[in-house]
């Protein structure tokens, strides 16, 4: 179930993004309510808005998919300077209720999570499995794409309270 949700993230993002656009445009929902909703989701789930709900994030990912060489750098820059919701929810990554957590007893130190994580690939000071480095999952720019969870062969990474 978990892997199917993660593998269908773009579809989920497109649907929720369409609902966000409809809510703001057709139903005249004030953008401040959207920022507030982004802050609340940030406190609960971390920086999930960008990768799971944002219509602009969906478009950015489609555009970046056509240029794989610059994909990671562009994604990193987009999530760092993108929008107020990204700023607010990024600041809540450390205090959010749900986090990406590692079960040390299951981890085999294969490093597949770090190879998939765009934060770990751009910043050598971050890692999901090396205790001597900063945890990539609580960094400001981690947008909970869950690729690290999906690629873990032992299911030692989980997104949970």
N, C-alpha and C. Protein backbone atom coordinates (compact mmCIF):
# COMPACT_ATOMS: atom_id res chain seq x y z
N UNK A 1 0.83 -1.20 0.00
CA UNK A 1 0.00 0.00 0.00
C UNK A 1 0.87 1.26 0.00
N UNK A 2 1.87 1.30 0.92
CA UNK A 2 2.74 2.46 1.04
C UNK A 2 3.47 2.74 -0.27
N UNK A 3 4.03 1.69 -0.87
CA UNK A 3 4.80 1.88 -2.10
C UNK A 3 3.91 2.35 -3.24
N UNK A 4 2.66 1.91 -3.28
CA UNK A 4 1.77 2.37 -4.35
C UNK A 4 1.40 3.84 -4.16
N UNK A 5 1.26 4.28 -2.93
CA UNK A 5 0.98 5.70 -2.68
C UNK A 5 2.17 6.54 -3.11
N UNK A 6 3.38 6.12 -2.72
CA UNK A 6 4.58 6.87 -3.08
C UNK A 6 4.78 6.88 -4.59
N UNK A 7 4.57 5.74 -5.25
CA UNK A 7 4.78 5.69 -6.70
C UNK A 7 3.72 6.49 -7.47
N UNK A 8 2.58 6.74 -6.84
CA UNK A 8 1.52 7.55 -7.48
C UNK A 8 1.49 8.99 -6.95
N UNK A 9 2.61 9.45 -6.39
CA UNK A 9 2.67 10.78 -5.80
C UNK A 9 2.30 11.88 -6.79
N UNK A 10 2.78 11.79 -8.01
CA UNK A 10 2.48 12.85 -8.98
C UNK A 10 0.99 12.91 -9.32
N UNK A 11 0.34 11.79 -9.37
CA UNK A 11 -1.11 11.77 -9.62
C UNK A 11 -1.84 12.41 -8.45
N UNK A 12 -1.43 12.03 -7.24
CA UNK A 12 -2.02 12.62 -6.04
C UNK A 12 -1.80 14.12 -6.03
N UNK A 13 -0.58 14.54 -6.36
CA UNK A 13 -0.26 15.97 -6.39
C UNK A 13 -1.10 16.69 -7.43
N UNK A 14 -1.31 16.09 -8.59
CA UNK A 14 -2.12 16.73 -9.63
C UNK A 14 -3.57 16.90 -9.17
N UNK A 15 -4.12 15.89 -8.52
CA UNK A 15 -5.51 15.96 -8.06
C UNK A 15 -5.67 17.01 -6.98
N UNK A 16 -4.80 16.95 -5.96
CA UNK A 16 -4.89 17.93 -4.88
C UNK A 16 -4.57 19.33 -5.40
N UNK A 17 -3.61 19.44 -6.31
CA UNK A 17 -3.29 20.74 -6.91
C UNK A 17 -4.47 21.33 -7.67
N UNK A 18 -5.20 20.48 -8.38
CA UNK A 18 -6.40 20.95 -9.10
C UNK A 18 -7.46 21.43 -8.11
N UNK A 19 -7.59 20.73 -7.00
CA UNK A 19 -8.54 21.15 -5.96
C UNK A 19 -8.12 22.50 -5.37
N UNK A 20 -6.82 22.68 -5.15
CA UNK A 20 -6.30 23.95 -4.63
C UNK A 20 -6.60 25.09 -5.61
N UNK A 21 -6.35 24.85 -6.89
CA UNK A 21 -6.63 25.88 -7.90
C UNK A 21 -8.12 26.19 -7.96
N UNK A 22 -8.94 25.15 -7.96
CA UNK A 22 -10.40 25.36 -7.99
C UNK A 22 -10.86 26.13 -6.76
N UNK A 23 -10.31 25.80 -5.61
CA UNK A 23 -10.69 26.48 -4.37
C UNK A 23 -10.33 27.95 -4.38
N UNK A 24 -9.14 28.26 -4.88
CA UNK A 24 -8.72 29.65 -4.89
C UNK A 24 -9.36 30.45 -6.01
N UNK A 25 -9.54 29.84 -7.15
CA UNK A 25 -10.06 30.58 -8.30
C UNK A 25 -11.59 30.58 -8.38
N UNK A 26 -12.17 29.41 -8.40
CA UNK A 26 -13.62 29.31 -8.60
C UNK A 26 -14.44 29.65 -7.36
N UNK A 27 -13.90 29.32 -6.19
CA UNK A 27 -14.65 29.55 -4.97
C UNK A 27 -14.14 30.77 -4.20
N UNK A 28 -13.22 31.50 -4.81
CA UNK A 28 -12.67 32.74 -4.23
C UNK A 28 -12.15 32.56 -2.82
N UNK A 29 -11.44 31.48 -2.58
CA UNK A 29 -10.82 31.27 -1.28
C UNK A 29 -9.58 32.15 -1.21
N UNK A 30 -9.49 32.90 -0.14
CA UNK A 30 -8.38 33.82 0.07
C UNK A 30 -7.06 33.05 0.16
N UNK A 31 -6.01 33.58 -0.46
CA UNK A 31 -4.72 32.91 -0.45
C UNK A 31 -4.13 32.81 0.96
N UNK A 32 -4.52 33.70 1.85
CA UNK A 32 -4.04 33.60 3.24
C UNK A 32 -4.53 32.32 3.90
N UNK A 33 -5.72 31.86 3.53
CA UNK A 33 -6.21 30.59 4.04
C UNK A 33 -5.34 29.44 3.53
N UNK A 34 -4.89 29.56 2.30
CA UNK A 34 -4.01 28.55 1.72
C UNK A 34 -2.67 28.53 2.45
N UNK A 35 -2.13 29.69 2.75
CA UNK A 35 -0.88 29.78 3.50
C UNK A 35 -1.08 29.18 4.89
N UNK A 36 -2.21 29.49 5.53
CA UNK A 36 -2.53 28.92 6.84
C UNK A 36 -2.65 27.40 6.78
N UNK A 37 -3.30 26.91 5.74
CA UNK A 37 -3.42 25.45 5.58
C UNK A 37 -2.05 24.82 5.36
N UNK A 38 -1.19 25.51 4.62
CA UNK A 38 0.18 25.02 4.43
C UNK A 38 0.96 24.97 5.73
N UNK A 39 0.76 25.97 6.58
CA UNK A 39 1.43 25.99 7.88
C UNK A 39 0.93 24.85 8.77
N UNK A 40 -0.38 24.62 8.76
CA UNK A 40 -0.94 23.54 9.57
C UNK A 40 -0.45 22.18 9.09
N UNK A 41 -0.45 21.97 7.78
CA UNK A 41 0.07 20.70 7.26
C UNK A 41 1.55 20.56 7.58
N UNK A 42 2.27 21.69 7.60
CA UNK A 42 3.69 21.65 7.96
C UNK A 42 3.91 21.19 9.39
N UNK A 43 3.10 21.70 10.30
CA UNK A 43 3.23 21.30 11.70
C UNK A 43 2.88 19.83 11.88
N UNK A 44 1.88 19.38 11.16
CA UNK A 44 1.47 17.98 11.28
C UNK A 44 2.42 17.03 10.55
N UNK A 45 2.70 17.32 9.28
CA UNK A 45 3.37 16.37 8.40
C UNK A 45 4.75 16.80 7.92
N UNK A 46 5.19 18.00 8.21
CA UNK A 46 6.45 18.51 7.67
C UNK A 46 6.19 19.17 6.33
N UNK A 47 7.21 19.34 5.57
CA UNK A 47 7.11 20.06 4.30
C UNK A 47 6.54 19.16 3.19
N UNK A 48 5.27 18.82 3.32
CA UNK A 48 4.63 17.94 2.34
C UNK A 48 3.90 18.72 1.25
N UNK A 49 3.57 19.96 1.51
CA UNK A 49 2.77 20.72 0.54
C UNK A 49 3.43 20.76 -0.83
N UNK A 50 4.74 21.04 -0.86
CA UNK A 50 5.44 21.22 -2.13
C UNK A 50 5.39 19.99 -3.03
N UNK A 51 5.56 18.82 -2.45
CA UNK A 51 5.65 17.60 -3.24
C UNK A 51 4.35 16.82 -3.36
N UNK A 52 3.35 17.15 -2.54
CA UNK A 52 2.13 16.36 -2.54
C UNK A 52 0.89 17.16 -2.87
N UNK A 53 0.94 18.50 -2.81
CA UNK A 53 -0.27 19.30 -2.99
C UNK A 53 -0.13 20.51 -3.90
N UNK A 54 1.05 21.01 -4.09
CA UNK A 54 1.25 22.28 -4.78
C UNK A 54 1.09 22.16 -6.30
N UNK A 55 0.19 22.95 -6.88
CA UNK A 55 0.04 22.90 -8.34
C UNK A 55 1.30 23.41 -9.06
N UNK A 56 1.96 24.43 -8.51
CA UNK A 56 3.18 24.94 -9.13
C UNK A 56 4.29 23.90 -9.02
N UNK A 57 4.36 23.20 -7.88
CA UNK A 57 5.35 22.13 -7.73
C UNK A 57 5.14 21.03 -8.76
N UNK A 58 3.90 20.72 -9.05
CA UNK A 58 3.58 19.71 -10.06
C UNK A 58 4.11 20.15 -11.43
N UNK A 59 3.85 21.40 -11.78
CA UNK A 59 4.32 21.93 -13.07
C UNK A 59 5.84 21.96 -13.12
N UNK A 60 6.47 22.39 -12.00
CA UNK A 60 7.94 22.43 -11.96
C UNK A 60 8.54 21.04 -12.17
N UNK A 61 7.93 20.04 -11.55
CA UNK A 61 8.45 18.69 -11.72
C UNK A 61 8.28 18.18 -13.15
N UNK A 62 7.19 18.54 -13.79
CA UNK A 62 7.01 18.14 -15.19
C UNK A 62 8.06 18.79 -16.07
N UNK A 63 8.32 20.06 -15.85
CA UNK A 63 9.31 20.79 -16.65
C UNK A 63 10.71 20.24 -16.38
N UNK A 64 11.04 20.01 -15.12
CA UNK A 64 12.38 19.53 -14.78
C UNK A 64 12.62 18.11 -15.24
N UNK A 65 11.55 17.34 -15.39
CA UNK A 65 11.69 15.97 -15.86
C UNK A 65 12.27 15.89 -17.25
N UNK A 66 12.15 16.96 -18.03
CA UNK A 66 12.68 16.98 -19.38
C UNK A 66 14.17 17.31 -19.41
N UNK A 67 14.75 17.72 -18.29
CA UNK A 67 16.17 18.06 -18.23
C UNK A 67 16.81 17.36 -17.03
N UNK A 68 17.10 16.07 -17.13
CA UNK A 68 17.56 15.32 -15.97
C UNK A 68 18.90 15.78 -15.41
N UNK A 69 19.77 16.42 -16.21
CA UNK A 69 21.07 16.84 -15.71
C UNK A 69 20.94 17.91 -14.62
N UNK A 70 20.01 18.82 -14.78
CA UNK A 70 19.84 19.91 -13.83
C UNK A 70 18.72 19.67 -12.83
N UNK A 71 18.12 18.49 -12.91
CA UNK A 71 16.92 18.21 -12.12
C UNK A 71 17.13 18.41 -10.62
N UNK A 72 18.13 17.82 -10.04
CA UNK A 72 18.31 17.91 -8.60
C UNK A 72 18.61 19.33 -8.15
N UNK A 73 19.48 20.04 -8.85
CA UNK A 73 19.82 21.40 -8.46
C UNK A 73 18.61 22.32 -8.57
N UNK A 74 17.84 22.18 -9.63
CA UNK A 74 16.66 23.02 -9.80
C UNK A 74 15.62 22.72 -8.72
N UNK A 75 15.43 21.45 -8.41
CA UNK A 75 14.46 21.08 -7.37
C UNK A 75 14.90 21.66 -6.03
N UNK A 76 16.18 21.55 -5.75
CA UNK A 76 16.71 22.09 -4.50
C UNK A 76 16.46 23.60 -4.43
N UNK A 77 16.78 24.31 -5.49
CA UNK A 77 16.57 25.77 -5.50
C UNK A 77 15.09 26.12 -5.42
N UNK A 78 14.25 25.38 -6.09
CA UNK A 78 12.81 25.67 -6.04
C UNK A 78 12.28 25.55 -4.62
N UNK A 79 12.67 24.51 -3.93
CA UNK A 79 12.15 24.31 -2.57
C UNK A 79 12.78 25.26 -1.57
N UNK A 80 13.95 25.83 -1.85
CA UNK A 80 14.56 26.78 -0.94
C UNK A 80 13.96 28.17 -1.08
N UNK A 81 13.65 28.59 -2.30
CA UNK A 81 13.20 29.97 -2.49
C UNK A 81 11.80 30.07 -3.10
N UNK A 82 11.12 28.96 -3.22
CA UNK A 82 9.86 28.87 -3.93
C UNK A 82 8.72 29.76 -3.51
N UNK A 83 8.18 29.59 -2.31
CA UNK A 83 6.97 30.33 -1.93
C UNK A 83 6.85 30.40 -0.41
N UNK A 84 5.97 31.25 0.09
CA UNK A 84 5.80 31.38 1.54
C UNK A 84 5.37 30.08 2.21
N UNK A 85 4.57 29.27 1.54
CA UNK A 85 4.17 28.00 2.14
C UNK A 85 5.38 27.09 2.30
N UNK A 86 6.26 27.10 1.32
CA UNK A 86 7.49 26.30 1.41
C UNK A 86 8.37 26.80 2.56
N UNK A 87 8.44 28.11 2.75
CA UNK A 87 9.25 28.66 3.84
C UNK A 87 8.68 28.22 5.19
N UNK A 88 7.37 28.39 5.36
CA UNK A 88 6.74 28.05 6.64
C UNK A 88 6.84 26.56 6.92
N UNK A 89 6.46 25.75 5.95
CA UNK A 89 6.47 24.30 6.20
C UNK A 89 7.90 23.76 6.30
N UNK A 90 8.84 24.39 5.62
CA UNK A 90 10.24 23.98 5.76
C UNK A 90 10.77 24.21 7.16
N UNK A 91 10.35 25.32 7.75
CA UNK A 91 10.78 25.62 9.13
C UNK A 91 10.16 24.66 10.13
N UNK A 92 9.06 24.03 9.77
CA UNK A 92 8.39 23.11 10.70
C UNK A 92 8.87 21.67 10.57
N UNK A 93 9.77 21.39 9.65
CA UNK A 93 10.26 20.01 9.46
C UNK A 93 10.81 19.40 10.74
N UNK A 94 11.51 20.18 11.53
CA UNK A 94 12.12 19.65 12.76
C UNK A 94 11.09 19.37 13.85
N UNK A 95 9.97 20.11 13.85
CA UNK A 95 8.99 19.97 14.93
C UNK A 95 7.72 19.24 14.51
N UNK A 96 7.63 18.86 13.26
CA UNK A 96 6.40 18.23 12.78
C UNK A 96 6.13 16.91 13.51
N UNK A 97 4.86 16.55 13.59
CA UNK A 97 4.50 15.30 14.26
C UNK A 97 4.99 14.08 13.50
N UNK A 98 4.76 14.06 12.19
CA UNK A 98 5.19 12.95 11.35
C UNK A 98 6.59 13.25 10.82
N UNK A 99 7.44 12.23 10.89
CA UNK A 99 8.82 12.37 10.41
C UNK A 99 9.24 11.08 9.71
N UNK A 100 10.27 11.19 8.89
CA UNK A 100 10.89 10.00 8.31
C UNK A 100 11.87 9.50 9.37
N UNK A 101 11.61 8.29 9.85
CA UNK A 101 12.44 7.72 10.92
C UNK A 101 13.08 6.43 10.46
N UNK A 102 14.28 6.20 11.01
CA UNK A 102 15.05 5.01 10.65
C UNK A 102 15.07 4.04 11.83
N UNK A 103 14.83 2.78 11.53
CA UNK A 103 14.95 1.71 12.51
C UNK A 103 16.35 1.14 12.37
N UNK A 104 17.21 1.45 13.34
CA UNK A 104 18.61 1.02 13.27
C UNK A 104 18.75 -0.50 13.18
N UNK A 105 17.82 -1.23 13.79
CA UNK A 105 17.93 -2.69 13.79
C UNK A 105 17.67 -3.29 12.40
N UNK A 106 16.95 -2.57 11.55
CA UNK A 106 16.66 -3.07 10.20
C UNK A 106 17.64 -2.54 9.15
N UNK A 107 18.26 -1.40 9.43
CA UNK A 107 19.13 -0.73 8.44
C UNK A 107 20.39 -1.55 8.20
N UNK A 108 20.71 -1.77 6.92
CA UNK A 108 21.91 -2.53 6.54
C UNK A 108 23.01 -1.62 5.98
N UNK A 109 22.83 -0.30 6.13
CA UNK A 109 23.80 0.70 5.68
C UNK A 109 24.15 0.58 4.20
N UNK A 110 23.17 0.28 3.38
CA UNK A 110 23.41 0.12 1.95
C UNK A 110 23.59 1.46 1.24
N UNK A 111 23.02 2.53 1.81
CA UNK A 111 23.17 3.87 1.24
C UNK A 111 22.23 4.19 0.10
N UNK A 112 21.30 3.29 -0.22
CA UNK A 112 20.36 3.56 -1.32
C UNK A 112 19.51 4.79 -1.03
N UNK A 113 19.17 5.00 0.23
CA UNK A 113 18.34 6.16 0.60
C UNK A 113 19.07 7.46 0.28
N UNK A 114 20.36 7.53 0.60
CA UNK A 114 21.13 8.74 0.33
C UNK A 114 21.31 8.98 -1.17
N UNK A 115 21.43 7.92 -1.94
CA UNK A 115 21.57 8.06 -3.39
C UNK A 115 20.29 8.60 -4.02
N UNK A 116 19.16 8.29 -3.42
CA UNK A 116 17.86 8.74 -3.94
C UNK A 116 17.48 10.12 -3.41
N UNK A 117 17.98 10.49 -2.25
CA UNK A 117 17.61 11.76 -1.61
C UNK A 117 18.35 12.93 -2.26
N UNK A 118 17.59 13.91 -2.75
CA UNK A 118 18.24 15.04 -3.40
C UNK A 118 18.99 15.92 -2.41
N UNK A 119 18.63 15.89 -1.15
CA UNK A 119 19.35 16.68 -0.15
C UNK A 119 20.72 16.06 0.12
N UNK A 120 20.77 14.76 0.31
CA UNK A 120 22.03 14.07 0.56
C UNK A 120 22.98 14.15 -0.63
N UNK A 121 22.42 14.13 -1.84
CA UNK A 121 23.28 14.20 -3.03
C UNK A 121 23.85 15.60 -3.23
N UNK A 122 23.17 16.62 -2.74
CA UNK A 122 23.66 17.99 -2.91
C UNK A 122 24.48 18.48 -1.72
N UNK A 123 24.31 17.85 -0.56
CA UNK A 123 24.99 18.30 0.64
C UNK A 123 25.67 17.10 1.31
N UNK A 124 26.99 17.06 1.25
CA UNK A 124 27.74 15.94 1.82
C UNK A 124 27.66 15.87 3.34
N UNK A 125 27.15 16.92 3.98
CA UNK A 125 27.01 16.94 5.43
C UNK A 125 25.74 16.24 5.90
N UNK A 126 24.89 15.82 4.96
CA UNK A 126 23.60 15.22 5.30
C UNK A 126 23.54 13.76 4.87
N UNK A 127 22.84 12.96 5.68
CA UNK A 127 22.64 11.55 5.38
C UNK A 127 21.41 11.04 6.12
N UNK A 128 20.78 10.06 5.56
CA UNK A 128 19.64 9.44 6.22
C UNK A 128 20.05 8.24 7.07
N UNK A 129 21.23 7.68 6.81
CA UNK A 129 21.62 6.47 7.54
C UNK A 129 22.92 6.61 8.32
N UNK A 130 23.69 7.65 8.09
CA UNK A 130 24.95 7.84 8.83
C UNK A 130 24.70 8.75 10.03
N UNK A 131 24.89 8.22 11.21
CA UNK A 131 24.64 8.97 12.43
C UNK A 131 25.59 10.16 12.62
N UNK A 132 26.75 10.10 12.01
CA UNK A 132 27.73 11.17 12.16
C UNK A 132 27.40 12.42 11.34
N UNK A 133 26.37 12.33 10.50
CA UNK A 133 25.98 13.46 9.65
C UNK A 133 24.61 13.97 10.05
N UNK A 134 24.26 15.16 9.53
CA UNK A 134 22.94 15.74 9.78
C UNK A 134 21.87 14.89 9.10
N UNK A 135 20.74 14.75 9.75
CA UNK A 135 19.63 13.97 9.21
C UNK A 135 18.97 14.74 8.06
N UNK A 136 19.02 14.19 6.87
CA UNK A 136 18.44 14.84 5.68
C UNK A 136 16.94 15.09 5.84
N UNK A 137 16.24 14.19 6.52
CA UNK A 137 14.78 14.25 6.60
C UNK A 137 14.25 15.39 7.45
N UNK A 138 15.08 15.99 8.29
CA UNK A 138 14.61 17.12 9.10
C UNK A 138 15.18 18.45 8.63
N UNK A 139 15.89 18.42 7.52
CA UNK A 139 16.43 19.66 6.97
C UNK A 139 15.32 20.52 6.38
N UNK A 140 15.56 21.80 6.32
CA UNK A 140 14.60 22.77 5.82
C UNK A 140 14.08 22.40 4.43
N UNK A 141 14.94 21.93 3.58
CA UNK A 141 14.55 21.69 2.19
C UNK A 141 13.97 20.30 1.92
N UNK A 142 13.89 19.43 2.92
CA UNK A 142 13.27 18.11 2.71
C UNK A 142 11.77 18.29 2.52
N UNK A 143 11.29 17.86 1.38
CA UNK A 143 9.87 18.05 1.05
C UNK A 143 9.09 16.74 1.12
N UNK A 144 9.63 15.77 1.79
CA UNK A 144 8.95 14.49 2.04
C UNK A 144 8.46 13.83 0.75
N UNK A 145 9.35 13.75 -0.23
CA UNK A 145 8.99 13.07 -1.48
C UNK A 145 8.88 11.57 -1.25
N UNK A 146 9.50 11.08 -0.21
CA UNK A 146 9.44 9.68 0.22
C UNK A 146 10.20 8.72 -0.70
N UNK A 147 11.03 9.25 -1.58
CA UNK A 147 11.82 8.36 -2.43
C UNK A 147 12.76 7.50 -1.60
N UNK A 148 13.26 8.08 -0.51
CA UNK A 148 14.16 7.32 0.37
C UNK A 148 13.42 6.15 1.01
N UNK A 149 12.18 6.38 1.43
CA UNK A 149 11.37 5.33 2.04
C UNK A 149 11.06 4.24 1.01
N UNK A 150 10.76 4.66 -0.19
CA UNK A 150 10.39 3.74 -1.26
C UNK A 150 11.55 2.84 -1.67
N UNK A 151 12.76 3.37 -1.69
CA UNK A 151 13.91 2.62 -2.19
C UNK A 151 14.56 1.73 -1.11
N UNK A 152 14.22 1.91 0.14
CA UNK A 152 14.84 1.14 1.23
C UNK A 152 14.48 -0.35 1.11
N UNK A 153 15.49 -1.21 0.92
CA UNK A 153 15.22 -2.63 0.72
C UNK A 153 14.74 -3.37 1.98
N UNK A 154 15.02 -2.82 3.16
CA UNK A 154 14.66 -3.50 4.41
C UNK A 154 13.50 -2.82 5.15
N UNK A 155 12.93 -1.81 4.54
CA UNK A 155 11.86 -1.01 5.18
C UNK A 155 12.29 -0.44 6.52
N UNK A 156 13.56 -0.06 6.62
CA UNK A 156 14.05 0.54 7.86
C UNK A 156 13.66 2.01 7.96
N UNK A 157 13.31 2.63 6.84
CA UNK A 157 12.83 4.01 6.86
C UNK A 157 11.31 4.01 6.78
N UNK A 158 10.71 4.78 7.68
CA UNK A 158 9.25 4.89 7.71
C UNK A 158 8.86 6.34 7.98
N UNK A 159 7.73 6.70 7.48
CA UNK A 159 7.15 8.03 7.72
C UNK A 159 6.07 7.83 8.78
N UNK A 160 6.37 8.27 10.01
CA UNK A 160 5.45 7.99 11.11
C UNK A 160 5.62 9.00 12.23
N UNK A 161 4.74 8.91 13.22
CA UNK A 161 4.81 9.79 14.39
C UNK A 161 5.95 9.34 15.27
